[in-house]
Amino acid sequence: MGRPVRIRKKKSFMFTTRHYSFMSIMGIVIAIFCLGVIITSVFHSYNSAGKIGAGFGLIGLLTLILNAIGIISGVTSLKERDIYITPSIVAIVLNSLMVLAWIIMIIISAIAG
């Protein structure tokens, strides 16, 4: 009787099911939308020499709330498993920068006016 043949194990690979989180994509879309609103509001305010309607203030408040929602969605997407982290971080950073920009614009308008 011969020696038993040792069966070699195949090298196994572990494939992950990483995916892009819906919440992080939503945070990025919110950030891009709010960035467009900020640019449009500043452009209209500049063209009319600062004499714009109260509707622009409401739009600013709503985009500030949307940016807060974008930050929250970015943070909650970081808690998911097997996701790409980069979109979540991008959503958090972009929305945080826009909240900071709105706060700076409010402070400047309060000092100037």
Protein backbone atom coordinates (compact mmCIF):
# COMPACT_ATOMS: atom_id res chain seq x y z
CA MET A 1 0.00 0.00 0.00
CA GLY A 2 1.40 3.32 -1.07
CA ARG A 3 1.51 6.53 0.69
CA PRO A 4 -1.79 8.50 0.57
CA VAL A 5 -1.75 11.30 -1.95
CA ARG A 6 -2.11 14.67 -0.30
CA ILE A 7 -4.75 16.80 -1.97
CA ARG A 8 -3.54 20.32 -2.40
CA LYS A 9 -5.93 23.07 -1.41
CA LYS A 10 -6.68 25.57 -4.09
CA LYS A 11 -5.92 29.13 -3.27
CA SER A 12 -9.19 30.66 -2.32
CA PHE A 13 -10.19 34.21 -2.96
CA MET A 14 -12.72 36.11 -0.96
CA PHE A 15 -14.84 38.42 -3.01
CA THR A 16 -16.66 41.18 -1.21
CA THR A 17 -19.89 42.69 -2.29
CA ARG A 18 -18.82 46.28 -1.84
CA HIS A 19 -21.28 48.74 -3.23
CA TYR A 20 -22.02 52.44 -3.24
CA SER A 21 -24.39 53.36 -0.48
CA PHE A 22 -27.66 54.97 -1.51
CA MET A 23 -27.40 57.43 1.36
CA SER A 24 -23.95 58.64 0.29
CA ILE A 25 -25.10 59.11 -3.31
CA MET A 26 -28.12 61.02 -2.03
CA GLY A 27 -25.82 63.23 0.07
CA ILE A 28 -23.68 64.03 -2.98
CA VAL A 29 -26.75 64.82 -5.10
CA ILE A 30 -28.06 67.12 -2.35
CA ALA A 31 -24.65 68.84 -2.18
CA ILE A 32 -24.53 69.41 -5.94
CA PHE A 33 -28.11 70.72 -5.99
CA CYS A 34 -27.44 73.10 -3.10
CA LEU A 35 -24.21 74.29 -4.69
CA GLY A 36 -26.20 75.23 -7.81
CA VAL A 37 -28.73 77.08 -5.67
CA ILE A 38 -25.96 78.98 -3.84
CA ILE A 39 -24.29 79.99 -7.11
CA THR A 40 -27.62 81.07 -8.61
CA SER A 41 -28.60 83.07 -5.51
CA VAL A 42 -25.26 84.86 -5.33
CA PHE A 43 -25.38 85.59 -9.08
CA HIS A 44 -28.90 87.06 -8.90
CA SER A 45 -28.01 89.06 -5.80
CA TYR A 46 -24.92 90.48 -7.52
CA ASN A 47 -26.84 91.39 -10.69
CA SER A 48 -29.58 93.20 -8.78
CA ALA A 49 -27.10 95.02 -6.49
CA GLY A 50 -28.37 93.20 -3.39
CA LYS A 51 -32.03 94.12 -3.89
CA ILE A 52 -33.65 90.69 -4.08
CA GLY A 53 -36.91 89.41 -2.70
CA ALA A 54 -37.54 87.55 0.52
CA GLY A 55 -37.97 84.36 -1.46
CA PHE A 56 -34.22 84.06 -1.76
CA GLY A 57 -33.97 84.00 2.03
CA LEU A 58 -36.45 81.14 2.12
CA ILE A 59 -34.48 79.32 -0.56
CA GLY A 60 -31.32 79.82 1.49
CA LEU A 61 -32.97 78.44 4.61
CA LEU A 62 -34.28 75.41 2.74
CA THR A 63 -30.87 74.66 1.24
CA LEU A 64 -29.32 74.99 4.70
CA ILE A 65 -31.79 72.36 5.94
CA LEU A 66 -31.04 70.18 2.89
CA ASN A 67 -27.32 70.45 3.61
CA ALA A 68 -27.95 69.28 7.17
CA ILE A 69 -29.86 66.31 5.75
CA GLY A 70 -26.92 65.64 3.41
CA ILE A 71 -24.51 65.60 6.35
CA ILE A 72 -26.76 63.22 8.27
CA SER A 73 -27.10 60.90 5.27
CA GLY A 74 -23.33 60.85 4.82
CA VAL A 75 -22.75 59.97 8.46
CA THR A 76 -25.39 57.24 8.45
CA SER A 77 -23.94 55.73 5.29
CA LEU A 78 -20.59 55.33 7.05
CA LYS A 79 -22.26 52.92 9.47
CA GLU A 80 -23.24 50.48 6.71
CA ARG A 81 -21.17 47.38 5.99
CA ASP A 82 -19.26 46.63 2.79
CA ILE A 83 -19.55 50.03 1.18
CA TYR A 84 -17.11 52.36 -0.49
CA ILE A 85 -16.23 55.06 2.04
CA THR A 86 -15.09 57.80 -0.34
CA PRO A 87 -18.58 58.95 -1.48
CA SER A 88 -19.71 59.21 2.14
CA ILE A 89 -16.75 61.38 3.05
CA VAL A 90 -17.25 63.53 -0.05
CA ALA A 91 -20.92 64.05 0.86
CA ILE A 92 -20.05 65.03 4.43
CA VAL A 93 -17.29 67.44 3.38
CA LEU A 94 -19.27 69.13 0.59
CA ASN A 95 -22.37 69.63 2.71
CA SER A 96 -20.32 70.85 5.67
CA LEU A 97 -18.51 73.38 3.48
CA MET A 98 -21.81 74.71 2.17
CA VAL A 99 -23.27 75.02 5.68
CA LEU A 100 -20.13 76.95 6.60
CA ALA A 101 -20.55 79.14 3.49
CA TRP A 102 -24.16 79.95 4.44
CA ILE A 103 -23.14 80.81 7.99
CA ILE A 104 -20.39 83.11 6.69
CA MET A 105 -22.85 84.80 4.28
CA ILE A 106 -25.34 85.33 7.10
CA ILE A 107 -22.65 86.85 9.35
CA ILE A 108 -21.41 89.13 6.53
CA SER A 109 -24.95 90.32 5.76
CA ALA A 110 -25.65 90.96 9.46
CA ILE A 111 -22.47 93.03 9.82
CA ALA A 112 -22.94 94.94 6.55
CA GLY A 113 -26.63 95.59 6.94
